[in-house]
C-alpha atoms as a PDB file:
ATOM      1  CA  UNK A   1      11.125-131.657-170.404  1.00  0.00           C
ATOM      2  CA  UNK A   2      11.701-135.371-169.864  1.00  0.00           C
ATOM      3  CA  UNK A   3      12.808-136.531-166.452  1.00  0.00           C
ATOM      4  CA  UNK A   4      15.904-138.722-166.292  1.00  0.00           C
ATOM      5  CA  UNK A   5      13.903-141.806-165.307  1.00  0.00           C
ATOM      6  CA  UNK A   6      11.962-141.649-168.584  1.00  0.00           C
ATOM      7  CA  UNK A   7      14.845-141.335-171.031  1.00  0.00           C
ATOM      8  CA  UNK A   8      16.832-143.907-169.047  1.00  0.00           C
ATOM      9  CA  UNK A   9      13.785-146.207-169.232  1.00  0.00           C
ATOM     10  CA  UNK A  10      14.144-146.171-173.027  1.00  0.00           C
ATOM     11  CA  UNK A  11      17.880-146.887-172.841  1.00  0.00           C
ATOM     12  CA  UNK A  12      19.108-143.358-173.610  1.00  0.00           C
ATOM     13  CA  UNK A  13      22.224-141.937-171.985  1.00  0.00           C
ATOM     14  CA  UNK A  14      20.906-138.377-171.956  1.00  0.00           C
ATOM     15  CA  UNK A  15      17.816-136.305-172.676  1.00  0.00           C
ATOM     16  CA  UNK A  16      17.676-136.049-176.492  1.00  0.00           C
ATOM     17  CA  UNK A  17      15.535-132.906-176.508  1.00  0.00           C
ATOM     18  CA  UNK A  18      17.668-130.351-174.695  1.00  0.00           C
ATOM     19  CA  UNK A  19      18.597-128.338-177.822  1.00  0.00           C
ATOM     20  CA  UNK A  20      17.852-127.914-181.511  1.00  0.00           C
ATOM     21  CA  UNK A  21      21.074-129.099-183.157  1.00  0.00           C
ATOM     22  CA  UNK A  22      20.543-131.037-186.308  1.00  0.00           C
ATOM     23  CA  UNK A  23      22.415-133.563-188.744  1.00  0.00           C
ATOM     24  CA  UNK A  24      24.293-132.757-191.925  1.00  0.00           C
ATOM     25  CA  UNK A  25      25.999-134.862-194.574  1.00  0.00           C
ATOM     26  CA  UNK A  26      29.193-133.005-193.798  1.00  0.00           C
ATOM     27  CA  UNK A  27      31.351-133.902-190.777  1.00  0.00           C
ATOM     28  CA  UNK A  28      30.229-132.678-187.358  1.00  0.00           C
ATOM     29  CA  UNK A  29      31.340-129.323-186.054  1.00  0.00           C
ATOM     30  CA  UNK A  30      33.814-129.222-183.204  1.00  0.00           C
ATOM     31  CA  UNK A  31      32.666-127.066-180.303  1.00  0.00           C
ATOM     32  CA  UNK A  32      33.886-126.615-176.703  1.00  0.00           C
ATOM     33  CA  UNK A  33      31.169-129.063-175.616  1.00  0.00           C
ATOM     34  CA  UNK A  34      32.164-131.732-178.135  1.00  0.00           C
ATOM     35  CA  UNK A  35      31.184-132.535-181.695  1.00  0.00           C
ATOM     36  CA  UNK A  36      27.849-131.239-182.912  1.00  0.00           C
ATOM     37  CA  UNK A  37      25.965-132.928-185.759  1.00  0.00           C
ATOM     38  CA  UNK A  38      23.624-131.034-188.029  1.00  0.00           C
ATOM     39  CA  UNK A  39      20.476-132.276-189.808  1.00  0.00           C
ATOM     40  CA  UNK A  40      20.473-132.326-193.604  1.00  0.00           C
ATOM     41  CA  UNK A  41      17.669-130.004-194.671  1.00  0.00           C
ATOM     42  CA  UNK A  42      16.850-127.598-197.468  1.00  0.00           C
ATOM     43  CA  UNK A  43      16.988-124.604-195.126  1.00  0.00           C
ATOM     44  CA  UNK A  44      20.345-125.655-193.703  1.00  0.00           C
ATOM     45  CA  UNK A  45      21.994-125.939-197.106  1.00  0.00           C
ATOM     46  CA  UNK A  46      20.371-122.715-198.328  1.00  0.00           C
ATOM     47  CA  UNK A  47      21.451-120.747-195.236  1.00  0.00           C
ATOM     48  CA  UNK A  48      25.022-122.057-195.262  1.00  0.00           C
ATOM     49  CA  UNK A  49      25.509-121.303-198.971  1.00  0.00           C
ATOM     50  CA  UNK A  50      24.047-117.820-198.499  1.00  0.00           C
ATOM     51  CA  UNK A  51      26.299-117.133-195.488  1.00  0.00           C
ATOM     52  CA  UNK A  52      29.384-118.146-197.454  1.00  0.00           C
ATOM     53  CA  UNK A  53      28.492-115.542-200.079  1.00  0.00           C
ATOM     54  CA  UNK A  54      27.687-112.885-197.464  1.00  0.00           C
ATOM     55  CA  UNK A  55      31.097-113.263-195.815  1.00  0.00           C
ATOM     56  CA  UNK A  56      32.915-113.377-199.129  1.00  0.00           C
ATOM     57  CA  UNK A  57      31.294-110.075-200.162  1.00  0.00           C
ATOM     58  CA  UNK A  58      31.526-108.525-196.665  1.00  0.00           C
ATOM     59  CA  UNK A  59      27.871-107.688-197.159  1.00  0.00           C
ATOM     60  CA  UNK A  60      24.809-106.533-195.271  1.00  0.00           C
ATOM     61  CA  UNK A  61      22.345-109.418-195.011  1.00  0.00           C
ATOM     62  CA  UNK A  62      19.221-110.574-193.219  1.00  0.00           C
ATOM     63  CA  UNK A  63      17.674-114.035-192.825  1.00  0.00           C
ATOM     64  CA  UNK A  64      13.923-113.897-192.362  1.00  0.00           C
ATOM     65  CA  UNK A  65      11.508-116.742-191.676  1.00  0.00           C
ATOM     66  CA  UNK A  66       8.936-118.289-189.333  1.00  0.00           C
ATOM     67  CA  UNK A  67       9.633-118.669-185.637  1.00  0.00           C
ATOM     68  CA  UNK A  68      11.322-121.913-184.580  1.00  0.00           C
ATOM     69  CA  UNK A  69      12.167-122.951-188.137  1.00  0.00           C
ATOM     70  CA  UNK A  70      15.864-123.528-187.347  1.00  0.00           C
ATOM     71  CA  UNK A  71      17.277-120.222-188.664  1.00  0.00           C
ATOM     72  CA  UNK A  72      19.350-119.333-185.609  1.00  0.00           C
ATOM     73  CA  UNK A  73      20.454-122.934-185.120  1.00  0.00           C
ATOM     74  CA  UNK A  74      21.760-123.154-188.686  1.00  0.00           C
ATOM     75  CA  UNK A  75      23.485-119.759-188.424  1.00  0.00           C
ATOM     76  CA  UNK A  76      25.160-120.543-185.112  1.00  0.00           C
ATOM     77  CA  UNK A  77      26.356-123.918-186.381  1.00  0.00           C
ATOM     78  CA  UNK A  78      27.888-122.224-189.414  1.00  0.00           C
ATOM     79  CA  UNK A  79      29.576-119.577-187.267  1.00  0.00           C
ATOM     80  CA  UNK A  80      31.003-122.198-184.906  1.00  0.00           C
ATOM     81  CA  UNK A  81      32.815-123.715-187.867  1.00  0.00           C
ATOM     82  CA  UNK A  82      34.216-120.353-189.031  1.00  0.00           C
ATOM     83  CA  UNK A  83      34.860-118.060-186.062  1.00  0.00           C
ATOM     84  CA  UNK A  84      38.552-117.718-185.270  1.00  0.00           C
ATOM     85  CA  UNK A  85      39.652-119.294-188.548  1.00  0.00           C
ATOM     86  CA  UNK A  86      41.319-117.388-191.408  1.00  0.00           C
ATOM     87  CA  UNK A  87      39.235-116.706-194.485  1.00  0.00           C
ATOM     88  CA  UNK A  88      40.386-116.491-198.115  1.00  0.00           C
ATOM     89  CA  UNK A  89      42.004-113.106-197.419  1.00  0.00           C
ATOM     90  CA  UNK A  90      43.909-114.442-194.394  1.00  0.00           C
ATOM     91  CA  UNK A  91      41.841-112.547-191.816  1.00  0.00           C
ATOM     92  CA  UNK A  92      40.160-114.543-189.069  1.00  0.00           C
ATOM     93  CA  UNK A  93      36.414-114.210-188.581  1.00  0.00           C
ATOM     94  CA  UNK A  94      35.674-112.176-185.442  1.00  0.00           C
ATOM     95  CA  UNK A  95      32.133-112.289-184.071  1.00  0.00           C
ATOM     96  CA  UNK A  96      30.458-109.249-182.539  1.00  0.00           C
ATOM     97  CA  UNK A  97      27.190-110.684-181.256  1.00  0.00           C
ATOM     98  CA  UNK A  98      24.641-108.616-179.366  1.00  0.00           C
ATOM     99  CA  UNK A  99      23.025-110.630-176.582  1.00  0.00           C
ATOM    100  CA  UNK A 100      20.559-107.988-175.419  1.00  0.00           C
ATOM    101  CA  UNK A 101      17.357-109.826-174.336  1.00  0.00           C
ATOM    102  CA  UNK A 102      15.350-106.793-175.471  1.00  0.00           C
ATOM    103  CA  UNK A 103      16.445-105.934-179.048  1.00  0.00           C
ATOM    104  CA  UNK A 104      13.738-103.296-179.274  1.00  0.00           C
ATOM    105  CA  UNK A 105      15.619-101.280-176.625  1.00  0.00           C
ATOM    106  CA  UNK A 106      18.903-101.172-178.538  1.00  0.00           C
ATOM    107  CA  UNK A 107      19.824 -97.640-179.607  1.00  0.00           C
ATOM    108  CA  UNK A 108      22.238 -96.531-182.312  1.00  0.00           C
ATOM    109  CA  UNK A 109      24.560 -94.930-179.705  1.00  0.00           C
ATOM    110  CA  UNK A 110      24.442 -98.097-177.610  1.00  0.00           C
ATOM    111  CA  UNK A 111      25.325-100.167-180.673  1.00  0.00           C
ATOM    112  CA  UNK A 112      28.303 -97.889-181.413  1.00  0.00           C
ATOM    113  CA  UNK A 113      29.516 -98.277-177.799  1.00  0.00           C
ATOM    114  CA  UNK A 114      29.174-102.062-178.008  1.00  0.00           C
ATOM    115  CA  UNK A 115      31.155-102.300-181.246  1.00  0.00           C
ATOM    116  CA  UNK A 116      33.944-100.059-179.936  1.00  0.00           C
ATOM    117  CA  UNK A 117      34.330-102.191-176.814  1.00  0.00           C
ATOM    118  CA  UNK A 118      34.108-105.478-178.697  1.00  0.00           C
ATOM    119  CA  UNK A 119      36.513-104.545-181.483  1.00  0.00           C
ATOM    120  CA  UNK A 120      39.148-102.721-179.444  1.00  0.00           C
ATOM    121  CA  UNK A 121      38.463-103.209-175.744  1.00  0.00           C
ATOM    122  CA  UNK A 122      38.470 -99.430-175.327  1.00  0.00           C
ATOM    123  CA  UNK A 123      36.015 -97.454-173.242  1.00  0.00           C
ATOM    124  CA  UNK A 124      33.752 -95.345-175.497  1.00  0.00           C
ATOM    125  CA  UNK A 125      34.258 -91.571-175.360  1.00  0.00           C
ATOM    126  CA  UNK A 126      31.489 -89.363-173.982  1.00  0.00           C
ATOM    127  CA  UNK A 127      31.209 -86.894-176.860  1.00  0.00           C
ATOM    128  CA  UNK A 128      29.059 -88.341-179.634  1.00  0.00           C
ATOM    129  CA  UNK A 129      31.262 -86.788-182.354  1.00  0.00           C
ATOM    130  CA  UNK A 130      34.517 -88.035-180.817  1.00  0.00           C
ATOM    131  CA  UNK A 131      32.907 -91.422-180.087  1.00  0.00           C
ATOM    132  CA  UNK A 132      32.011 -91.866-183.761  1.00  0.00           C
ATOM    133  CA  UNK A 133      35.604 -91.049-184.742  1.00  0.00           C
ATOM    134  CA  UNK A 134      36.735 -93.587-182.161  1.00  0.00           C
ATOM    135  CA  UNK A 135      34.336 -96.140-183.662  1.00  0.00           C
ATOM    136  CA  UNK A 136      35.784 -95.660-187.154  1.00  0.00           C
ATOM    137  CA  UNK A 137      39.353 -95.968-185.883  1.00  0.00           C
ATOM    138  CA  UNK A 138      38.603 -98.996-183.664  1.00  0.00           C
ATOM    139  CA  UNK A 139      36.868-100.941-186.421  1.00  0.00           C
ATOM    140  CA  UNK A 140      39.354 -99.792-189.050  1.00  0.00           C
ATOM    141  CA  UNK A 141      42.335-100.988-187.032  1.00  0.00           C
ATOM    142  CA  UNK A 142      40.655-104.264-186.068  1.00  0.00           C
ATOM    143  CA  UNK A 143      39.544-105.002-189.621  1.00  0.00           C
ATOM    144  CA  UNK A 144      43.163-105.112-190.810  1.00  0.00           C
ATOM    145  CA  UNK A 145      43.664-108.549-189.287  1.00  0.00           C
ATOM    146  CA  UNK A 146      40.104-109.660-188.518  1.00  0.00           C
ATOM    147  CA  UNK A 147      36.935-109.972-190.549  1.00  0.00           C
ATOM    148  CA  UNK A 148      34.414-108.283-188.247  1.00  0.00           C
ATOM    149  CA  UNK A 149      30.889-109.722-188.247  1.00  0.00           C
ATOM    150  CA  UNK A 150      28.044-107.998-186.406  1.00  0.00           C
ATOM    151  CA  UNK A 151      25.423-110.651-185.662  1.00  0.00           C
ATOM    152  CA  UNK A 152      21.997-109.714-184.262  1.00  0.00           C
ATOM    153  CA  UNK A 153      19.252-112.271-183.595  1.00  0.00           C
ATOM    154  CA  UNK A 154      15.576-111.353-183.080  1.00  0.00           C
ATOM    155  CA  UNK A 155      16.349-108.484-185.443  1.00  0.00           C
ATOM    156  CA  UNK A 156      12.709-108.025-186.454  1.00  0.00           C
ATOM    157  CA  UNK A 157      12.312-106.262-183.081  1.00  0.00           C
ATOM    158  CA  UNK A 158      14.933-103.606-183.840  1.00  0.00           C
ATOM    159  CA  UNK A 159      13.832 -99.993-184.163  1.00  0.00           C
ATOM    160  CA  UNK A 160      13.823 -98.386-187.590  1.00  0.00           C
ATOM    161  CA  UNK A 161      16.589 -95.950-186.634  1.00  0.00           C
ATOM    162  CA  UNK A 162      18.975 -98.896-186.157  1.00  0.00           C
ATOM    163  CA  UNK A 163      18.554 -99.794-189.838  1.00  0.00           C
ATOM    164  CA  UNK A 164      19.246 -96.170-190.759  1.00  0.00           C
ATOM    165  CA  UNK A 165      22.370 -96.306-188.557  1.00  0.00           C
ATOM    166  CA  UNK A 166      23.551 -99.433-190.397  1.00  0.00           C
ATOM    167  CA  UNK A 167      23.504 -97.470-193.659  1.00  0.00           C
ATOM    168  CA  UNK A 168      25.711 -94.707-192.171  1.00  0.00           C
ATOM    169  CA  UNK A 169      28.097 -97.210-190.549  1.00  0.00           C
ATOM    170  CA  UNK A 170      28.536 -99.191-193.749  1.00  0.00           C
ATOM    171  CA  UNK A 171      29.610 -96.048-195.618  1.00  0.00           C
ATOM    172  CA  UNK A 172      32.511 -95.278-193.235  1.00  0.00           C
ATOM    173  CA  UNK A 173      36.087 -95.835-194.450  1.00  0.00           C
ATOM    174  CA  UNK A 174      39.446 -96.241-192.732  1.00  0.00           C
ATOM    175  CA  UNK A 175      42.774 -96.051-194.581  1.00  0.00           C
ATOM    176  CA  UNK A 176      41.057 -97.009-197.818  1.00  0.00           C
ATOM    177  CA  UNK A 177      39.273-100.008-196.290  1.00  0.00           C
ATOM    178  CA  UNK A 178      35.536-100.228-196.930  1.00  0.00           C
ATOM    179  CA  UNK A 179      33.286-101.608-195.609  1.00  0.00           C
ATOM    180  CA  UNK A 180      34.711-102.047-192.124  1.00  0.00           C
ATOM    181  CA  UNK A 181      32.428-104.903-191.082  1.00  0.00           C
ATOM    182  CA  UNK A 182      29.781-107.392-192.229  1.00  0.00           C
ATOM    183  CA  UNK A 183      26.219-107.306-190.898  1.00  0.00           C
ATOM    184  CA  UNK A 184      24.100-110.410-190.302  1.00  0.00           C
ATOM    185  CA  UNK A 185      20.537-110.009-189.027  1.00  0.00           C
ATOM    186  CA  UNK A 186      18.266-112.949-188.194  1.00  0.00           C
ATOM    187  CA  UNK A 187      14.591-112.626-187.357  1.00  0.00           C
ATOM    188  CA  UNK A 188      11.002-113.504-188.065  1.00  0.00           C
ATOM    189  CA  UNK A 189       9.057-112.631-191.193  1.00  0.00           C
ATOM    190  CA  UNK A 190       8.610-108.968-190.255  1.00  0.00           C
ATOM    191  CA  UNK A 191      12.356-108.423-190.640  1.00  0.00           C
ATOM    192  CA  UNK A 192      12.267-108.386-194.454  1.00  0.00           C
ATOM    193  CA  UNK A 193       9.424-105.866-194.473  1.00  0.00           C
ATOM    194  CA  UNK A 194      11.168-103.627-191.948  1.00  0.00           C
ATOM    195  CA  UNK A 195      14.437-103.580-193.891  1.00  0.00           C
ATOM    196  CA  UNK A 196      12.531-102.871-197.090  1.00  0.00           C
ATOM    197  CA  UNK A 197      10.860 -99.763-195.719  1.00  0.00           C
ATOM    198  CA  UNK A 198      14.096 -97.883-195.039  1.00  0.00           C
ATOM    199  CA  UNK A 199      15.270 -95.808-197.967  1.00  0.00           C
ATOM    200  CA  UNK A 200      18.756 -96.756-199.217  1.00  0.00           C
ATOM    201  CA  UNK A 201      18.736 -99.828-196.955  1.00  0.00           C
ATOM    202  CA  UNK A 202      16.355-101.725-199.218  1.00  0.00           C
ATOM    203  CA  UNK A 203      18.897-101.945-202.049  1.00  0.00           C
ATOM    204  CA  UNK A 204      21.880-102.545-199.780  1.00  0.00           C
ATOM    205  CA  UNK A 205      20.470-105.336-197.619  1.00  0.00           C
ATOM    206  CA  UNK A 206      20.373-108.830-199.100  1.00  0.00           C
ATOM    207  CA  UNK A 207      17.417-110.746-197.616  1.00  0.00           C
ATOM    208  CA  UNK A 208      17.167-114.550-197.520  1.00  0.00           C
ATOM    209  CA  UNK A 209      13.613-115.770-196.966  1.00  0.00           C
ATOM    210  CA  UNK A 210      13.353-119.274-195.499  1.00  0.00           C
ATOM    211  CA  UNK A 211      10.218-121.293-194.938  1.00  0.00           C
ATOM    212  CA  UNK A 212       9.287-123.839-192.285  1.00  0.00           C
ATOM    213  CA  UNK A 213      11.164-127.163-192.384  1.00  0.00           C
ATOM    214  CA  UNK A 214       9.645-129.916-194.504  1.00  0.00           C
ATOM    215  CA  UNK A 215       8.048-132.932-192.838  1.00  0.00           C
ATOM    216  CA  UNK A 216      10.857-135.180-194.091  1.00  0.00           C
ATOM    217  CA  UNK A 217      13.437-132.748-192.668  1.00  0.00           C
ATOM    218  CA  UNK A 218      11.749-132.912-189.289  1.00  0.00           C
ATOM    219  CA  UNK A 219      11.535-136.697-189.280  1.00  0.00           C
ATOM    220  CA  UNK A 220      15.262-136.970-190.049  1.00  0.00           C
ATOM    221  CA  UNK A 221      15.881-134.494-187.242  1.00  0.00           C
ATOM    222  CA  UNK A 222      13.745-136.571-184.879  1.00  0.00           C
ATOM    223  CA  UNK A 223      15.610-139.742-185.877  1.00  0.00           C
ATOM    224  CA  UNK A 224      18.901-138.119-184.914  1.00  0.00           C
ATOM    225  CA  UNK A 225      17.568-136.691-181.657  1.00  0.00           C
ATOM    226  CA  UNK A 226      16.817-140.071-180.113  1.00  0.00           C
ATOM    227  CA  UNK A 227      19.818-141.940-181.496  1.00  0.00           C
ATOM    228  CA  UNK A 228      18.198-144.394-183.902  1.00  0.00           C
ATOM    229  CA  UNK A 229      14.657-144.441-182.589  1.00  0.00           C
ATOM    230  CA  UNK A 230      14.595-148.210-182.180  1.00  0.00           C
ATOM    231  CA  UNK A 231      11.818-147.812-179.605  1.00  0.00           C
ATOM    232  CA  UNK A 232       9.669-145.512-181.797  1.00  0.00           C
ATOM    233  CA  UNK A 233       7.313-147.313-184.175  1.00  0.00           C
ATOM    234  CA  UNK A 234       7.425-145.940-187.750  1.00  0.00           C
ATOM    235  CA  UNK A 235       3.794-144.750-187.627  1.00  0.00           C
ATOM    236  CA  UNK A 236       4.458-142.752-184.453  1.00  0.00           C
ATOM    237  CA  UNK A 237       7.519-141.151-186.029  1.00  0.00           C
ATOM    238  CA  UNK A 238       5.689-140.177-189.193  1.00  0.00           C
ATOM    239  CA  UNK A 239       2.774-138.763-187.192  1.00  0.00           C
ATOM    240  CA  UNK A 240       5.006-136.622-184.954  1.00  0.00           C
ATOM    241  CA  UNK A 241       6.865-135.232-187.958  1.00  0.00           C
ATOM    242  CA  UNK A 242       3.592-134.442-189.750  1.00  0.00           C
ATOM    243  CA  UNK A 243       1.790-132.991-186.722  1.00  0.00           C
ATOM    244  CA  UNK A 244       4.677-130.808-185.555  1.00  0.00           C
ATOM    245  CA  UNK A 245       4.695-127.347-187.093  1.00  0.00           C
ATOM    246  CA  UNK A 246       8.379-126.811-186.243  1.00  0.00           C
ATOM    247  CA  UNK A 247      11.326-128.434-184.470  1.00  0.00           C
ATOM    248  CA  UNK A 248      10.338-127.157-181.021  1.00  0.00           C
ATOM    249  CA  UNK A 249       6.769-128.431-181.295  1.00  0.00           C
ATOM    250  CA  UNK A 250       7.994-131.767-182.640  1.00  0.00           C
ATOM    251  CA  UNK A 251      10.334-132.116-179.668  1.00  0.00           C
ATOM    252  CA  UNK A 252       7.377-131.536-177.346  1.00  0.00           C
ATOM    253  CA  UNK A 253       5.216-134.113-179.169  1.00  0.00           C
ATOM    254  CA  UNK A 254       7.968-136.729-179.000  1.00  0.00           C
ATOM    255  CA  UNK A 255       8.467-136.071-175.299  1.00  0.00           C
ATOM    256  CA  UNK A 256       4.732-136.430-174.609  1.00  0.00           C
ATOM    257  CA  UNK A 257       4.597-139.674-176.589  1.00  0.00           C
ATOM    258  CA  UNK A 258       7.539-141.104-174.629  1.00  0.00           C
ATOM    259  CA  UNK A 259       5.924-139.991-171.377  1.00  0.00           C
ATOM    260  CA  UNK A 260       2.642-141.682-172.367  1.00  0.00           C
ATOM    261  CA  UNK A 261       4.397-144.930-173.282  1.00  0.00           C
ATOM    262  CA  UNK A 262       6.330-144.854-170.013  1.00  0.00           C
ATOM    263  CA  UNK A 263       3.112-144.386-168.022  1.00  0.00           C
ATOM    264  CA  UNK A 264       1.576-147.340-169.862  1.00  0.00           C
ATOM    265  CA  UNK A 265       4.608-149.503-169.101  1.00  0.00           C
ATOM    266  CA  UNK A 266       5.467-149.876-172.788  1.00  0.00           C
ATOM    267  CA  UNK A 267       9.049-150.111-174.029  1.00  0.00           C
ATOM    268  CA  UNK A 268       7.977-148.935-177.476  1.00  0.00           C
ATOM    269  CA  UNK A 269       6.305-145.670-178.476  1.00  0.00           C
ATOM    270  CA  UNK A 270       3.346-146.277-180.753  1.00  0.00           C
ATOM    271  CA  UNK A 271       0.849-144.133-182.617  1.00  0.00           C
ATOM    272  CA  UNK A 272      -1.647-144.406-179.746  1.00  0.00           C
ATOM    273  CA  UNK A 273       0.898-142.871-177.366  1.00  0.00           C
ATOM    274  CA  UNK A 274       1.624-140.018-179.768  1.00  0.00           C
ATOM    275  CA  UNK A 275      -2.101-139.304-180.161  1.00  0.00           C
ATOM    276  CA  UNK A 276      -2.967-139.419-176.473  1.00  0.00           C
ATOM    277  CA  UNK A 277      -1.938-135.830-175.811  1.00  0.00           C
ATOM    278  CA  UNK A 278      -4.629-134.553-178.218  1.00  0.00           C
ATOM    279  CA  UNK A 279      -7.605-136.023-176.354  1.00  0.00           C
ATOM    280  CA  UNK A 280     -10.839-135.602-178.341  1.00  0.00           C
ATOM    281  CA  UNK A 281      -8.983-133.873-181.165  1.00  0.00           C
ATOM    282  CA  UNK A 282      -6.783-136.897-181.865  1.00  0.00           C
ATOM    283  CA  UNK A 283      -8.829-138.150-184.834  1.00  0.00           C
ATOM    284  CA  UNK A 284      -8.800-134.761-186.574  1.00  0.00           C
ATOM    285  CA  UNK A 285      -5.052-134.429-186.022  1.00  0.00           C
ATOM    286  CA  UNK A 286      -4.426-137.970-187.291  1.00  0.00           C
ATOM    287  CA  UNK A 287      -6.416-137.347-190.479  1.00  0.00           C
ATOM    288  CA  UNK A 288      -4.629-134.042-191.057  1.00  0.00           C
ATOM    289  CA  UNK A 289      -1.228-135.698-190.546  1.00  0.00           C
ATOM    290  CA  UNK A 290      -2.087-138.204-193.279  1.00  0.00           C
ATOM    291  CA  UNK A 291      -2.931-135.390-195.673  1.00  0.00           C
ATOM    292  CA  UNK A 292      -6.429-136.633-196.516  1.00  0.00           C
ATOM    293  CA  UNK A 293      -9.972-135.419-195.945  1.00  0.00           C
ATOM    294  CA  UNK A 294     -12.262-136.664-193.186  1.00  0.00           C
ATOM    295  CA  UNK A 295     -14.570-138.136-195.828  1.00  0.00           C
ATOM    296  CA  UNK A 296     -11.718-140.138-197.379  1.00  0.00           C
ATOM    297  CA  UNK A 297     -10.689-141.403-193.942  1.00  0.00           C
ATOM    298  CA  UNK A 298     -14.297-142.371-193.163  1.00  0.00           C
ATOM    299  CA  UNK A 299     -14.656-144.363-196.373  1.00  0.00           C
ATOM    300  CA  UNK A 300     -11.287-146.089-195.966  1.00  0.00           C
ATOM    301  CA  UNK A 301     -12.209-147.127-192.439  1.00  0.00           C
ATOM    302  CA  UNK A 302     -15.804-148.083-193.226  1.00  0.00           C
ATOM    303  CA  UNK A 303     -17.225-145.760-190.564  1.00  0.00           C
ATOM    304  CA  UNK A 304     -20.827-144.585-190.904  1.00  0.00           C
ATOM    305  CA  UNK A 305     -21.541-140.936-191.636  1.00  0.00           C
ATOM    306  CA  UNK A 306     -23.386-140.377-188.335  1.00  0.00           C
ATOM    307  CA  UNK A 307     -20.650-142.103-186.327  1.00  0.00           C
ATOM    308  CA  UNK A 308     -18.028-139.989-188.087  1.00  0.00           C
ATOM    309  CA  UNK A 309     -19.925-136.781-187.355  1.00  0.00           C
ATOM    310  CA  UNK A 310     -20.309-137.714-183.690  1.00  0.00           C
ATOM    311  CA  UNK A 311     -16.629-138.579-183.495  1.00  0.00           C
ATOM    312  CA  UNK A 312     -15.464-135.259-184.948  1.00  0.00           C
ATOM    313  CA  UNK A 313     -18.029-133.191-183.022  1.00  0.00           C
ATOM    314  CA  UNK A 314     -17.519-134.977-179.700  1.00  0.00           C
ATOM    315  CA  UNK A 315     -21.139-136.152-179.589  1.00  0.00           C
ATOM    316  CA  UNK A 316     -22.651-139.524-178.806  1.00  0.00           C
ATOM    317  CA  UNK A 317     -21.295-142.039-176.302  1.00  0.00           C
ATOM    318  CA  UNK A 318     -17.604-142.168-175.510  1.00  0.00           C
ATOM    319  CA  UNK A 319     -17.557-145.881-176.306  1.00  0.00           C
ATOM    320  CA  UNK A 320     -18.966-145.326-179.815  1.00  0.00           C
ATOM    321  CA  UNK A 321     -16.511-142.501-180.467  1.00  0.00           C
ATOM    322  CA  UNK A 322     -13.578-144.618-179.345  1.00  0.00           C
ATOM    323  CA  UNK A 323     -14.676-147.506-181.577  1.00  0.00           C
ATOM    324  CA  UNK A 324     -14.932-145.161-184.560  1.00  0.00           C
ATOM    325  CA  UNK A 325     -11.505-143.691-183.781  1.00  0.00           C
ATOM    326  CA  UNK A 326      -9.950-147.153-183.559  1.00  0.00           C
ATOM    327  CA  UNK A 327     -11.300-147.974-187.023  1.00  0.00           C
ATOM    328  CA  UNK A 328      -9.890-144.727-188.428  1.00  0.00           C
ATOM    329  CA  UNK A 329      -6.515-145.310-186.781  1.00  0.00           C
ATOM    330  CA  UNK A 330      -6.364-148.900-188.005  1.00  0.00           C
ATOM    331  CA  UNK A 331      -7.088-147.809-191.584  1.00  0.00           C
ATOM    332  CA  UNK A 332      -4.572-144.952-191.577  1.00  0.00           C
ATOM    333  CA  UNK A 333      -1.717-146.578-189.658  1.00  0.00           C
ATOM    334  CA  UNK A 334      -0.285-148.471-192.697  1.00  0.00           C
ATOM    335  CA  UNK A 335       0.048-145.168-194.581  1.00  0.00           C
ATOM    336  CA  UNK A 336       2.011-143.641-191.698  1.00  0.00           C
ATOM    337  CA  UNK A 337       4.080-146.794-191.176  1.00  0.00           C
ATOM    338  CA  UNK A 338       5.112-146.808-194.818  1.00  0.00           C
ATOM    339  CA  UNK A 339       6.099-143.140-194.649  1.00  0.00           C
ATOM    340  CA  UNK A 340       8.051-143.676-191.441  1.00  0.00           C
ATOM    341  CA  UNK A 341       9.959-146.674-192.834  1.00  0.00           C
ATOM    342  CA  UNK A 342      10.921-144.781-195.993  1.00  0.00           C
ATOM    343  CA  UNK A 343      12.352-141.904-193.991  1.00  0.00           C
ATOM    344  CA  UNK A 344      14.128-144.222-191.549  1.00  0.00           C
ATOM    345  CA  UNK A 345      15.730-146.005-194.474  1.00  0.00           C
ATOM    346  CA  UNK A 346      16.912-142.765-196.097  1.00  0.00           C
ATOM    347  CA  UNK A 347      17.947-140.848-192.985  1.00  0.00           C
END
């Protein structure tokens, strides 16, 4: 986390890396804390289109993908723009979100109790049979005027019996209304496999598989995060976007680069600052970020084979390794600068 003296040093009014909101072509979303902008990315568009269909069909759906790929951020942004507003059928979207920090401890009876309380405000009955009747009535009555959405994050940690319970719950009817609520699960890649193993859930649960964000998506996100990035050099931007495996890691890399530049007394963040956090691995990471082989980098930079081997293996004198690294960085910087300028121009 950046201290206030660092982000103020670069002329920022606040720490740009306190959350994972990102920018969309559409207008920002109004929230209690102000307007939120969202980053235009393939995953964002895919998730929002899929959610529109899920709500329209009052379905049972799951979004599965790698950790820290922006799934929950995209879902929550979508929900912020819909919760409390009437849908096509005139009913307002009503969110029933479980905030249990330990999803693996959620039981089917506990889930029933939660939904009764959330939908009706009633205290759940003690008898399991009467409580289930109460659940049907509570959700049936509430669903007349509200579109009920059960939203569970970290759903890959849920027990298998919860998925079986979803099947039973979705089959319940009240005064001819069916289903009584929509289910939205979000989790890591194991979620799709878990849902697929439950008989009669496999065919009822629509699964959206999302991948990690693209490098261009992450660079556009990074551009938004620091409000224009006038103090980030294009090569540093392109490197951070290429080296970061996800939004969270990219945030950390950008923070470290800003911290390094601050320590050096520089008002701009360059490639050398972004690489500093990697120590002896910086050359390997730089080559990987450029998408080329070590041999191609060596030839482009005119570095000898022995010097290159010593550099990558951490052998030889530190001075010789640093000289070889500087040659590699000098040869590869134009490629990164060009990539960074293109994204800055299009973002």
